[in-house]
PDB file of N, CA and C in Angstrom:
ATOM      1  N   MET A   1     -98.163  78.908-106.161  1.00  0.00           N
ATOM      2  CA  MET A   1     -97.899  77.639-105.499  1.00  0.00           C
ATOM      3  C   MET A   1     -96.689  77.822-104.582  1.00  0.00           C
ATOM      4  N   ALA A   2     -96.724  77.263-103.413  1.00  0.00           N
ATOM      5  CA  ALA A   2     -95.658  77.420-102.425  1.00  0.00           C
ATOM      6  C   ALA A   2     -94.462  76.544-102.790  1.00  0.00           C
ATOM      7  N   ARG A   3     -93.278  77.073-102.502  1.00  0.00           N
ATOM      8  CA  ARG A   3     -92.038  76.306-102.734  1.00  0.00           C
ATOM      9  C   ARG A   3     -91.831  75.330-101.597  1.00  0.00           C
ATOM     10  N   PRO A   4     -91.285  74.178-101.913  1.00  0.00           N
ATOM     11  CA  PRO A   4     -91.009  73.221-100.829  1.00  0.00           C
ATOM     12  C   PRO A   4     -89.910  73.752 -99.924  1.00  0.00           C
ATOM     13  N   ASN A   5     -89.988  73.417 -98.668  1.00  0.00           N
ATOM     14  CA  ASN A   5     -88.980  73.837 -97.697  1.00  0.00           C
ATOM     15  C   ASN A   5     -87.899  72.758 -97.629  1.00  0.00           C
ATOM     16  N   PHE A   6     -86.645  73.130 -97.884  1.00  0.00           N
ATOM     17  CA  PHE A   6     -85.531  72.176 -97.879  1.00  0.00           C
ATOM     18  C   PHE A   6     -84.772  72.226 -96.561  1.00  0.00           C
ATOM     19  N   GLY A   7     -85.477  72.318 -95.484  1.00  0.00           N
ATOM     20  CA  GLY A   7     -84.860  72.226 -94.170  1.00  0.00           C
ATOM     21  C   GLY A   7     -83.805  73.283 -93.916  1.00  0.00           C
ATOM     22  N   GLY A   8     -84.085  74.534 -94.235  1.00  0.00           N
ATOM     23  CA  GLY A   8     -83.151  75.603 -93.917  1.00  0.00           C
ATOM     24  C   GLY A   8     -82.219  75.969 -95.040  1.00  0.00           C
ATOM     25  N   PHE A   9     -82.313  75.326 -96.202  1.00  0.00           N
ATOM     26  CA  PHE A   9     -81.452  75.700 -97.314  1.00  0.00           C
ATOM     27  C   PHE A   9     -81.937  76.978 -97.973  1.00  0.00           C
ATOM     28  N   GLY A  10     -83.183  77.371 -97.748  1.00  0.00           N
ATOM     29  CA  GLY A  10     -83.648  78.670 -98.160  1.00  0.00           C
ATOM     30  C   GLY A  10     -84.073  78.823 -99.598  1.00  0.00           C
ATOM     31  N   GLY A  11     -84.242  77.804-100.356  1.00  0.00           N
ATOM     32  CA  GLY A  11     -84.768  77.958-101.695  1.00  0.00           C
ATOM     33  C   GLY A  11     -83.778  77.620-102.775  1.00  0.00           C
ATOM     34  N   GLY A  12     -84.208  77.851-104.030  1.00  0.00           N
ATOM     35  CA  GLY A  12     -83.453  77.445-105.207  1.00  0.00           C
ATOM     36  C   GLY A  12     -82.101  78.094-105.367  1.00  0.00           C
ATOM     37  N   ALA A  13     -82.016  79.416-105.140  1.00  0.00           N
ATOM     38  CA  ALA A  13     -80.737  80.111-105.359  1.00  0.00           C
ATOM     39  C   ALA A  13     -79.660  79.579-104.418  1.00  0.00           C
ATOM     40  N   ASN A  14     -80.009  79.407-103.160  1.00  0.00           N
ATOM     41  CA  ASN A  14     -79.024  78.898-102.203  1.00  0.00           C
ATOM     42  C   ASN A  14     -78.648  77.459-102.499  1.00  0.00           C
ATOM     43  N   MET A  15     -79.616  76.667-102.968  1.00  0.00           N
ATOM     44  CA  MET A  15     -79.346  75.268-103.304  1.00  0.00           C
ATOM     45  C   MET A  15     -78.383  75.204-104.487  1.00  0.00           C
ATOM     46  N   GLN A  16     -78.587  76.072-105.484  1.00  0.00           N
ATOM     47  CA  GLN A  16     -77.698  76.107-106.640  1.00  0.00           C
ATOM     48  C   GLN A  16     -76.283  76.509-106.218  1.00  0.00           C
ATOM     49  N   GLN A  17     -76.186  77.472-105.331  1.00  0.00           N
ATOM     50  CA  GLN A  17     -74.876  77.898-104.841  1.00  0.00           C
ATOM     51  C   GLN A  17     -74.195  76.751-104.091  1.00  0.00           C
ATOM     52  N   LEU A  18     -74.954  76.050-103.300  1.00  0.00           N
ATOM     53  CA  LEU A  18     -74.426  74.917-102.557  1.00  0.00           C
ATOM     54  C   LEU A  18     -73.924  73.833-103.519  1.00  0.00           C
ATOM     55  N   MET A  19     -74.682  73.583-104.571  1.00  0.00           N
ATOM     56  CA  MET A  19     -74.281  72.585-105.563  1.00  0.00           C
ATOM     57  C   MET A  19     -73.001  73.012-106.283  1.00  0.00           C
ATOM     58  N   ARG A  20     -72.898  74.301-106.630  1.00  0.00           N
ATOM     59  CA  ARG A  20     -71.676  74.799-107.285  1.00  0.00           C
ATOM     60  C   ARG A  20     -70.469  74.647-106.366  1.00  0.00           C
ATOM     61  N   GLN A  21     -70.659  74.944-105.094  1.00  0.00           N
ATOM     62  CA  GLN A  21     -69.563  74.797-104.139  1.00  0.00           C
ATOM     63  C   GLN A  21     -69.144  73.335-104.013  1.00  0.00           C
ATOM     64  N   ALA A  22     -70.118  72.440-104.010  1.00  0.00           N
ATOM     65  CA  ALA A  22     -69.813  71.011-103.911  1.00  0.00           C
ATOM     66  C   ALA A  22     -69.056  70.536-105.150  1.00  0.00           C
ATOM     67  N   GLN A  23     -69.460  70.991-106.323  1.00  0.00           N
ATOM     68  CA  GLN A  23     -68.765  70.611-107.552  1.00  0.00           C
ATOM     69  C   GLN A  23     -67.343  71.154-107.558  1.00  0.00           C
ATOM     70  N   LYS A  24     -67.180  72.384-107.104  1.00  0.00           N
ATOM     71  CA  LYS A  24     -65.846  72.991-107.048  1.00  0.00           C
ATOM     72  C   LYS A  24     -64.944  72.204-106.095  1.00  0.00           C
ATOM     73  N   MET A  25     -65.483  71.836-104.956  1.00  0.00           N
ATOM     74  CA  MET A  25     -64.702  71.073-103.984  1.00  0.00           C
ATOM     75  C   MET A  25     -64.330  69.708-104.555  1.00  0.00           C
ATOM     76  N   GLN A  26     -65.262  69.084-105.280  1.00  0.00           N
ATOM     77  CA  GLN A  26     -64.972  67.787-105.883  1.00  0.00           C
ATOM     78  C   GLN A  26     -63.839  67.916-106.901  1.00  0.00           C
ATOM     79  N   GLN A  27     -63.863  68.956-107.712  1.00  0.00           N
ATOM     80  CA  GLN A  27     -62.799  69.181-108.693  1.00  0.00           C
ATOM     81  C   GLN A  27     -61.460  69.405-107.994  1.00  0.00           C
ATOM     82  N   GLN A  28     -61.474  70.189-106.919  1.00  0.00           N
ATOM     83  CA  GLN A  28     -60.237  70.445-106.180  1.00  0.00           C
ATOM     84  C   GLN A  28     -59.704  69.157-105.560  1.00  0.00           C
ATOM     85  N   MET A  29     -60.590  68.327-105.056  1.00  0.00           N
ATOM     86  CA  MET A  29     -60.161  67.064-104.458  1.00  0.00           C
ATOM     87  C   MET A  29     -59.574  66.138-105.517  1.00  0.00           C
ATOM     88  N   GLU A  30     -60.156  66.115-106.702  1.00  0.00           N
ATOM     89  CA  GLU A  30     -59.626  65.296-107.784  1.00  0.00           C
ATOM     90  C   GLU A  30     -58.240  65.777-108.199  1.00  0.00           C
ATOM     91  N   GLN A  31     -58.054  67.096-108.259  1.00  0.00           N
ATOM     92  CA  GLN A  31     -56.736  67.655-108.596  1.00  0.00           C
ATOM     93  C   GLN A  31     -55.721  67.291-107.521  1.00  0.00           C
ATOM     94  N   MET A  32     -56.116  67.428-106.264  1.00  0.00           N
ATOM     95  CA  MET A  32     -55.219  67.096-105.163  1.00  0.00           C
ATOM     96  C   MET A  32     -54.848  65.624-105.214  1.00  0.00           C
ATOM     97  N   GLN A  33     -55.830  64.764-105.497  1.00  0.00           N
ATOM     98  CA  GLN A  33     -55.579  63.327-105.593  1.00  0.00           C
ATOM     99  C   GLN A  33     -54.546  63.045-106.683  1.00  0.00           C
ATOM    100  N   GLN A  34     -54.699  63.693-107.829  1.00  0.00           N
ATOM    101  CA  GLN A  34     -53.760  63.492-108.932  1.00  0.00           C
ATOM    102  C   GLN A  34     -52.362  63.958-108.538  1.00  0.00           C
ATOM    103  N   GLN A  35     -52.277  65.100-107.870  1.00  0.00           N
ATOM    104  CA  GLN A  35     -50.971  65.605-107.436  1.00  0.00           C
ATOM    105  C   GLN A  35     -50.330  64.648-106.439  1.00  0.00           C
ATOM    106  N   LEU A  36     -51.116  64.121-105.526  1.00  0.00           N
ATOM    107  CA  LEU A  36     -50.587  63.174-104.542  1.00  0.00           C
ATOM    108  C   LEU A  36     -50.082  61.897-105.215  1.00  0.00           C
ATOM    109  N   GLU A  37     -50.794  61.440-106.234  1.00  0.00           N
ATOM    110  CA  GLU A  37     -50.379  60.229-106.933  1.00  0.00           C
ATOM    111  C   GLU A  37     -49.077  60.430-107.699  1.00  0.00           C
ATOM    112  N   GLU A  38     -48.770  61.664-108.065  1.00  0.00           N
ATOM    113  CA  GLU A  38     -47.542  61.957-108.809  1.00  0.00           C
ATOM    114  C   GLU A  38     -46.331  62.113-107.894  1.00  0.00           C
ATOM    115  N   GLN A  39     -46.548  62.199-106.594  1.00  0.00           N
ATOM    116  CA  GLN A  39     -45.456  62.349-105.638  1.00  0.00           C
ATOM    117  C   GLN A  39     -44.756  61.013-105.419  1.00  0.00           C
ATOM    118  N   SER A  40     -43.545  61.090-104.869  1.00  0.00           N
ATOM    119  CA  SER A  40     -42.863  59.872-104.442  1.00  0.00           C
ATOM    120  C   SER A  40     -42.312  60.101-103.042  1.00  0.00           C
ATOM    121  N   TYR A  41     -42.170  59.027-102.303  1.00  0.00           N
ATOM    122  CA  TYR A  41     -41.748  59.080-100.906  1.00  0.00           C
ATOM    123  C   TYR A  41     -40.647  58.051-100.701  1.00  0.00           C
ATOM    124  N   GLU A  42     -39.595  58.473-100.039  1.00  0.00           N
ATOM    125  CA  GLU A  42     -38.429  57.616 -99.860  1.00  0.00           C
ATOM    126  C   GLU A  42     -38.176  57.399 -98.378  1.00  0.00           C
ATOM    127  N   ALA A  43     -37.752  56.203 -98.049  1.00  0.00           N
ATOM    128  CA  ALA A  43     -37.366  55.873 -96.680  1.00  0.00           C
ATOM    129  C   ALA A  43     -36.247  54.857 -96.728  1.00  0.00           C
ATOM    130  N   SER A  44     -35.466  54.834 -95.655  1.00  0.00           N
ATOM    131  CA  SER A  44     -34.371  53.867 -95.608  1.00  0.00           C
ATOM    132  C   SER A  44     -34.354  53.185 -94.251  1.00  0.00           C
ATOM    133  N   ALA A  45     -33.639  52.074 -94.205  1.00  0.00           N
ATOM    134  CA  ALA A  45     -33.481  51.307 -92.972  1.00  0.00           C
ATOM    135  C   ALA A  45     -32.032  50.836 -92.902  1.00  0.00           C
ATOM    136  N   GLY A  46     -31.634  50.470 -91.707  1.00  0.00           N
ATOM    137  CA  GLY A  46     -30.273  49.974 -91.529  1.00  0.00           C
ATOM    138  C   GLY A  46     -29.229  51.029 -91.822  1.00  0.00           C
ATOM    139  N   GLY A  47     -29.513  52.262 -91.425  1.00  0.00           N
ATOM    140  CA  GLY A  47     -28.541  53.337 -91.651  1.00  0.00           C
ATOM    141  C   GLY A  47     -28.321  53.626 -93.132  1.00  0.00           C
ATOM    142  N   GLY A  48     -29.358  53.439 -93.935  1.00  0.00           N
ATOM    143  CA  GLY A  48     -29.253  53.716 -95.363  1.00  0.00           C
ATOM    144  C   GLY A  48     -28.832  52.533 -96.200  1.00  0.00           C
ATOM    145  N   MET A  49     -28.716  51.384 -95.580  1.00  0.00           N
ATOM    146  CA  MET A  49     -28.308  50.187 -96.324  1.00  0.00           C
ATOM    147  C   MET A  49     -29.409  49.719 -97.271  1.00  0.00           C
ATOM    148  N   VAL A  50     -30.662  49.976 -96.911  1.00  0.00           N
ATOM    149  CA  VAL A  50     -31.798  49.653 -97.766  1.00  0.00           C
ATOM    150  C   VAL A  50     -32.621  50.922 -97.927  1.00  0.00           C
ATOM    151  N   THR A  51     -32.854  51.330 -99.171  1.00  0.00           N
ATOM    152  CA  THR A  51     -33.653  52.522 -99.455  1.00  0.00           C
ATOM    153  C   THR A  51     -34.782  52.141-100.401  1.00  0.00           C
ATOM    154  N   VAL A  52     -35.982  52.578-100.051  1.00  0.00           N
ATOM    155  CA  VAL A  52     -37.167  52.264-100.843  1.00  0.00           C
ATOM    156  C   VAL A  52     -37.867  53.557-101.222  1.00  0.00           C
ATOM    157  N   THR A  53     -38.330  53.619-102.470  1.00  0.00           N
ATOM    158  CA  THR A  53     -39.132  54.743-102.936  1.00  0.00           C
ATOM    159  C   THR A  53     -40.486  54.195-103.366  1.00  0.00           C
ATOM    160  N   VAL A  54     -41.547  54.821-102.855  1.00  0.00           N
ATOM    161  CA  VAL A  54     -42.905  54.448-103.250  1.00  0.00           C
ATOM    162  C   VAL A  54     -43.572  55.647-103.901  1.00  0.00           C
ATOM    163  N   THR A  55     -44.572  55.367-104.723  1.00  0.00           N
ATOM    164  CA  THR A  55     -45.319  56.434-105.374  1.00  0.00           C
ATOM    165  C   THR A  55     -46.545  56.782-104.536  1.00  0.00           C
ATOM    166  N   GLY A  56     -47.171  57.877-104.902  1.00  0.00           N
ATOM    167  CA  GLY A  56     -48.413  58.264-104.254  1.00  0.00           C
ATOM    168  C   GLY A  56     -49.547  57.298-104.536  1.00  0.00           C
ATOM    169  N   LYS A  57     -49.346  56.422-105.496  1.00  0.00           N
ATOM    170  CA  LYS A  57     -50.334  55.372-105.792  1.00  0.00           C
ATOM    171  C   LYS A  57     -50.100  54.148-104.922  1.00  0.00           C
ATOM    172  N   ARG A  58     -49.172  54.279-103.978  1.00  0.00           N
ATOM    173  CA  ARG A  58     -48.829  53.202-103.046  1.00  0.00           C
ATOM    174  C   ARG A  58     -48.206  52.004-103.753  1.00  0.00           C
ATOM    175  N   GLU A  59     -47.359  52.309-104.740  1.00  0.00           N
ATOM    176  CA  GLU A  59     -46.626  51.267-105.455  1.00  0.00           C
ATOM    177  C   GLU A  59     -45.140  51.476-105.240  1.00  0.00           C
ATOM    178  N   ILE A  60     -44.392  50.401-105.149  1.00  0.00           N
ATOM    179  CA  ILE A  60     -42.948  50.508-104.986  1.00  0.00           C
ATOM    180  C   ILE A  60     -42.349  50.934-106.312  1.00  0.00           C
ATOM    181  N   ALA A  61     -41.608  52.041-106.293  1.00  0.00           N
ATOM    182  CA  ALA A  61     -40.959  52.546-107.500  1.00  0.00           C
ATOM    183  C   ALA A  61     -39.533  52.004-107.604  1.00  0.00           C
ATOM    184  N   SER A  62     -38.849  51.912-106.468  1.00  0.00           N
ATOM    185  CA  SER A  62     -37.483  51.391-106.498  1.00  0.00           C
ATOM    186  C   SER A  62     -37.069  50.886-105.121  1.00  0.00           C
ATOM    187  N   ILE A  63     -36.139  49.961-105.153  1.00  0.00           N
ATOM    188  CA  ILE A  63     -35.505  49.450-103.935  1.00  0.00           C
ATOM    189  C   ILE A  63     -34.010  49.416-104.204  1.00  0.00           C
ATOM    190  N   HIS A  64     -33.245  50.031-103.316  1.00  0.00           N
ATOM    191  CA  HIS A  64     -31.788  49.973-103.426  1.00  0.00           C
ATOM    192  C   HIS A  64     -31.266  49.243-102.192  1.00  0.00           C
ATOM    193  N   ILE A  65     -30.460  48.233-102.442  1.00  0.00           N
ATOM    194  CA  ILE A  65     -29.854  47.461-101.350  1.00  0.00           C
ATOM    195  C   ILE A  65     -28.350  47.550-101.496  1.00  0.00           C
ATOM    196  N   ASP A  66     -27.701  48.064-100.467  1.00  0.00           N
ATOM    197  CA  ASP A  66     -26.247  48.142-100.459  1.00  0.00           C
ATOM    198  C   ASP A  66     -25.696  46.710-100.413  1.00  0.00           C
ATOM    199  N   PRO A  67     -24.789  46.360-101.329  1.00  0.00           N
ATOM    200  CA  PRO A  67     -24.259  44.990-101.371  1.00  0.00           C
ATOM    201  C   PRO A  67     -23.649  44.526-100.040  1.00  0.00           C
ATOM    202  N   GLN A  68     -23.202  45.453 -99.226  1.00  0.00           N
ATOM    203  CA  GLN A  68     -22.592  45.064 -97.942  1.00  0.00           C
ATOM    204  C   GLN A  68     -23.588  44.398 -97.003  1.00  0.00           C
ATOM    205  N   VAL A  69     -24.865  44.683 -97.181  1.00  0.00           N
ATOM    206  CA  VAL A  69     -25.865  44.134 -96.271  1.00  0.00           C
ATOM    207  C   VAL A  69     -26.336  42.744 -96.717  1.00  0.00           C
ATOM    208  N   ILE A  70     -25.925  42.304 -97.887  1.00  0.00           N
ATOM    209  CA  ILE A  70     -26.346  40.998 -98.394  1.00  0.00           C
ATOM    210  C   ILE A  70     -25.456  39.916 -97.784  1.00  0.00           C
ATOM    211  N   ASP A  71     -26.055  39.141 -96.919  1.00  0.00           N
ATOM    212  CA  ASP A  71     -25.351  38.054 -96.242  1.00  0.00           C
ATOM    213  C   ASP A  71     -26.165  36.781 -96.448  1.00  0.00           C
ATOM    214  N   PRO A  72     -25.670  35.851 -97.262  1.00  0.00           N
ATOM    215  CA  PRO A  72     -26.430  34.623 -97.529  1.00  0.00           C
ATOM    216  C   PRO A  72     -26.778  33.852 -96.262  1.00  0.00           C
ATOM    217  N   GLU A  73     -25.999  34.053 -95.210  1.00  0.00           N
ATOM    218  CA  GLU A  73     -26.255  33.351 -93.955  1.00  0.00           C
ATOM    219  C   GLU A  73     -27.345  34.031 -93.123  1.00  0.00           C
ATOM    220  N   ASP A  74     -27.709  35.276 -93.493  1.00  0.00           N
ATOM    221  CA  ASP A  74     -28.679  36.016 -92.688  1.00  0.00           C
ATOM    222  C   ASP A  74     -29.666  36.771 -93.580  1.00  0.00           C
ATOM    223  N   SER A  75     -30.402  36.033 -94.379  1.00  0.00           N
ATOM    224  CA  SER A  75     -31.368  36.668 -95.279  1.00  0.00           C
ATOM    225  C   SER A  75     -32.517  37.308 -94.501  1.00  0.00           C
ATOM    226  N   GLU A  76     -32.777  36.819 -93.295  1.00  0.00           N
ATOM    227  CA  GLU A  76     -33.843  37.375 -92.467  1.00  0.00           C
ATOM    228  C   GLU A  76     -33.596  38.845 -92.152  1.00  0.00           C
ATOM    229  N   MET A  77     -32.350  39.204 -91.882  1.00  0.00           N
ATOM    230  CA  MET A  77     -32.027  40.590 -91.576  1.00  0.00           C
ATOM    231  C   MET A  77     -32.351  41.480 -92.776  1.00  0.00           C
ATOM    232  N   LEU A  78     -31.976  41.039 -93.966  1.00  0.00           N
ATOM    233  CA  LEU A  78     -32.250  41.810 -95.172  1.00  0.00           C
ATOM    234  C   LEU A  78     -33.758  41.939 -95.388  1.00  0.00           C
ATOM    235  N   GLU A  79     -34.495  40.864 -95.186  1.00  0.00           N
ATOM    236  CA  GLU A  79     -35.948  40.910 -95.312  1.00  0.00           C
ATOM    237  C   GLU A  79     -36.546  41.935 -94.353  1.00  0.00           C
ATOM    238  N   ASP A  80     -36.062  41.939 -93.116  1.00  0.00           N
ATOM    239  CA  ASP A  80     -36.557  42.897 -92.123  1.00  0.00           C
ATOM    240  C   ASP A  80     -36.247  44.338 -92.522  1.00  0.00           C
ATOM    241  N   LEU A  81     -35.051  44.560 -93.063  1.00  0.00           N
ATOM    242  CA  LEU A  81     -34.684  45.915 -93.481  1.00  0.00           C
ATOM    243  C   LEU A  81     -35.551  46.390 -94.648  1.00  0.00           C
ATOM    244  N   VAL A  82     -35.796  45.511 -95.599  1.00  0.00           N
ATOM    245  CA  VAL A  82     -36.647  45.867 -96.747  1.00  0.00           C
ATOM    246  C   VAL A  82     -38.058  46.171 -96.254  1.00  0.00           C
ATOM    247  N   LYS A  83     -38.592  45.310 -95.408  1.00  0.00           N
ATOM    248  CA  LYS A  83     -39.939  45.510 -94.883  1.00  0.00           C
ATOM    249  C   LYS A  83     -40.030  46.829 -94.114  1.00  0.00           C
ATOM    250  N   ALA A  84     -39.040  47.129 -93.288  1.00  0.00           N
ATOM    251  CA  ALA A  84     -39.050  48.376 -92.515  1.00  0.00           C
ATOM    252  C   ALA A  84     -39.006  49.599 -93.430  1.00  0.00           C
ATOM    253  N   ALA A  85     -38.175  49.558 -94.456  1.00  0.00           N
ATOM    254  CA  ALA A  85     -38.068  50.694 -95.370  1.00  0.00           C
ATOM    255  C   ALA A  85     -39.353  50.882 -96.172  1.00  0.00           C
ATOM    256  N   VAL A  86     -39.939  49.786 -96.643  1.00  0.00           N
ATOM    257  CA  VAL A  86     -41.197  49.878 -97.398  1.00  0.00           C
ATOM    258  C   VAL A  86     -42.299  50.453 -96.519  1.00  0.00           C
ATOM    259  N   ASN A  87     -42.436  49.935 -95.319  1.00  0.00           N
ATOM    260  CA  ASN A  87     -43.482  50.417 -94.423  1.00  0.00           C
ATOM    261  C   ASN A  87     -43.302  51.894 -94.081  1.00  0.00           C
ATOM    262  N   GLU A  88     -42.081  52.320 -93.869  1.00  0.00           N
ATOM    263  CA  GLU A  88     -41.823  53.731 -93.552  1.00  0.00           C
ATOM    264  C   GLU A  88     -42.143  54.626 -94.746  1.00  0.00           C
ATOM    265  N   ALA A  89     -41.777  54.222 -95.941  1.00  0.00           N
ATOM    266  CA  ALA A  89     -42.079  55.012 -97.134  1.00  0.00           C
ATOM    267  C   ALA A  89     -43.590  55.115 -97.339  1.00  0.00           C
ATOM    268  N   LEU A  90     -44.306  54.013 -97.153  1.00  0.00           N
ATOM    269  CA  LEU A  90     -45.762  54.036 -97.272  1.00  0.00           C
ATOM    270  C   LEU A  90     -46.382  54.930 -96.212  1.00  0.00           C
ATOM    271  N   ARG A  91     -45.845  54.892 -94.997  1.00  0.00           N
ATOM    272  CA  ARG A  91     -46.351  55.741 -93.912  1.00  0.00           C
ATOM    273  C   ARG A  91     -46.167  57.213 -94.263  1.00  0.00           C
ATOM    274  N   LYS A  92     -45.000  57.558 -94.825  1.00  0.00           N
ATOM    275  CA  LYS A  92     -44.756  58.948 -95.226  1.00  0.00           C
ATOM    276  C   LYS A  92     -45.760  59.402 -96.281  1.00  0.00           C
ATOM    277  N   GLY A  93     -46.034  58.537 -97.231  1.00  0.00           N
ATOM    278  CA  GLY A  93     -47.007  58.863 -98.264  1.00  0.00           C
ATOM    279  C   GLY A  93     -48.401  59.053 -97.690  1.00  0.00           C
ATOM    280  N   GLU A  94     -48.775  58.196 -96.758  1.00  0.00           N
ATOM    281  CA  GLU A  94     -50.095  58.292 -96.146  1.00  0.00           C
ATOM    282  C   GLU A  94     -50.211  59.561 -95.300  1.00  0.00           C
ATOM    283  N   GLU A  95     -49.149  59.923 -94.592  1.00  0.00           N
ATOM    284  CA  GLU A  95     -49.168  61.160 -93.810  1.00  0.00           C
ATOM    285  C   GLU A  95     -49.324  62.379 -94.722  1.00  0.00           C
ATOM    286  N   ALA A  96     -48.640  62.378 -95.852  1.00  0.00           N
ATOM    287  CA  ALA A  96     -48.755  63.485 -96.801  1.00  0.00           C
ATOM    288  C   ALA A  96     -50.174  63.562 -97.352  1.00  0.00           C
ATOM    289  N   ARG A  97     -50.753  62.411 -97.642  1.00  0.00           N
ATOM    290  CA  ARG A  97     -52.133  62.360 -98.154  1.00  0.00           C
ATOM    291  C   ARG A  97     -53.102  62.919 -97.111  1.00  0.00           C
ATOM    292  N   GLU A  98     -52.965  62.476 -95.879  1.00  0.00           N
ATOM    293  CA  GLU A  98     -53.854  62.950 -94.813  1.00  0.00           C
ATOM    294  C   GLU A  98     -53.694  64.446 -94.580  1.00  0.00           C
ATOM    295  N   ALA A  99     -52.458  64.938 -94.616  1.00  0.00           N
ATOM    296  CA  ALA A  99     -52.228  66.369 -94.412  1.00  0.00           C
ATOM    297  C   ALA A  99     -52.856  67.177 -95.541  1.00  0.00           C
ATOM    298  N   ALA A 100     -52.704  66.721 -96.775  1.00  0.00           N
ATOM    299  CA  ALA A 100     -53.265  67.444 -97.916  1.00  0.00           C
ATOM    300  C   ALA A 100     -54.786  67.433 -97.865  1.00  0.00           C
ATOM    301  N   MET A 101     -55.368  66.308 -97.555  1.00  0.00           N
ATOM    302  CA  MET A 101     -56.823  66.224 -97.483  1.00  0.00           C
ATOM    303  C   MET A 101     -57.352  67.020 -96.290  1.00  0.00           C
ATOM    304  N   GLY A 102     -56.589  67.055 -95.208  1.00  0.00           N
ATOM    305  CA  GLY A 102     -56.994  67.848 -94.040  1.00  0.00           C
ATOM    306  C   GLY A 102     -57.046  69.324 -94.354  1.00  0.00           C
ATOM    307  N   LYS A 103     -56.114  69.789 -95.195  1.00  0.00           N
ATOM    308  CA  LYS A 103     -56.135  71.191 -95.623  1.00  0.00           C
ATOM    309  C   LYS A 103     -57.320  71.456 -96.529  1.00  0.00           C
ATOM    310  N   MET A 104     -57.681  70.438 -97.302  1.00  0.00           N
ATOM    311  CA  MET A 104     -58.769  70.579 -98.261  1.00  0.00           C
ATOM    312  C   MET A 104     -60.103  70.703 -97.568  1.00  0.00           C
ATOM    313  N   ALA A 105     -60.301  69.949 -96.523  1.00  0.00           N
ATOM    314  CA  ALA A 105     -61.595  69.926 -95.847  1.00  0.00           C
ATOM    315  C   ALA A 105     -61.402  69.922 -94.340  1.00  0.00           C
ATOM    316  N   PRO A 106     -61.024  71.078 -93.765  1.00  0.00           N
ATOM    317  CA  PRO A 106     -60.851  71.138 -92.317  1.00  0.00           C
ATOM    318  C   PRO A 106     -62.150  70.751 -91.614  1.00  0.00           C
ATOM    319  N   GLY A 107     -62.002  70.055 -90.531  1.00  0.00           N
ATOM    320  CA  GLY A 107     -63.178  69.631 -89.802  1.00  0.00           C
ATOM    321  C   GLY A 107     -63.728  68.302 -90.275  1.00  0.00           C
ATOM    322  N   MET A 108     -63.222  67.790 -91.402  1.00  0.00           N
ATOM    323  CA  MET A 108     -63.686  66.513 -91.915  1.00  0.00           C
ATOM    324  C   MET A 108     -62.559  65.485 -91.809  1.00  0.00           C
ATOM    325  N   GLY A 109     -61.529  65.777 -91.015  1.00  0.00           N
ATOM    326  CA  GLY A 109     -60.309  65.000 -90.932  1.00  0.00           C
ATOM    327  C   GLY A 109     -60.444  63.500 -91.029  1.00  0.00           C
ATOM    328  N   GLY A 110     -61.309  62.888 -90.231  1.00  0.00           N
ATOM    329  CA  GLY A 110     -61.419  61.447 -90.208  1.00  0.00           C
ATOM    330  C   GLY A 110     -62.046  60.839 -91.446  1.00  0.00           C
ATOM    331  N   LEU A 111     -62.613  61.639 -92.316  1.00  0.00           N
ATOM    332  CA  LEU A 111     -63.270  61.082 -93.495  1.00  0.00           C
ATOM    333  C   LEU A 111     -62.286  60.646 -94.564  1.00  0.00           C
ATOM    334  N   PHE A 112     -61.054  61.115 -94.529  1.00  0.00           N
ATOM    335  CA  PHE A 112     -60.085  60.800 -95.571  1.00  0.00           C
ATOM    336  C   PHE A 112     -59.032  59.929 -94.989  1.00  0.00           C
TER     337      PHE A 112
END
């Protein structure tokens, strides 16, 4: 009985090899994901007056605010500094994630 043609995959042995490679890549991606989640990223605003640390899970781990920047008459400035530091820390984490995934699967850049 003739074997079905899988559009250039060449038969069972090659299909099995392809499946093993896919499983290996999935395991590597899961490991990379776990490593990225364990990382932390720090950013500051206002010349270091506000410092924020986020985790690879995109959660805020800590916020440090220098008491000198706390002005009851200008809470908007403090809000802006916190927002800027949080956004920068998240951006750093996302850049690290994209770089790591890009190394994992060159040519698939936009998928991650």
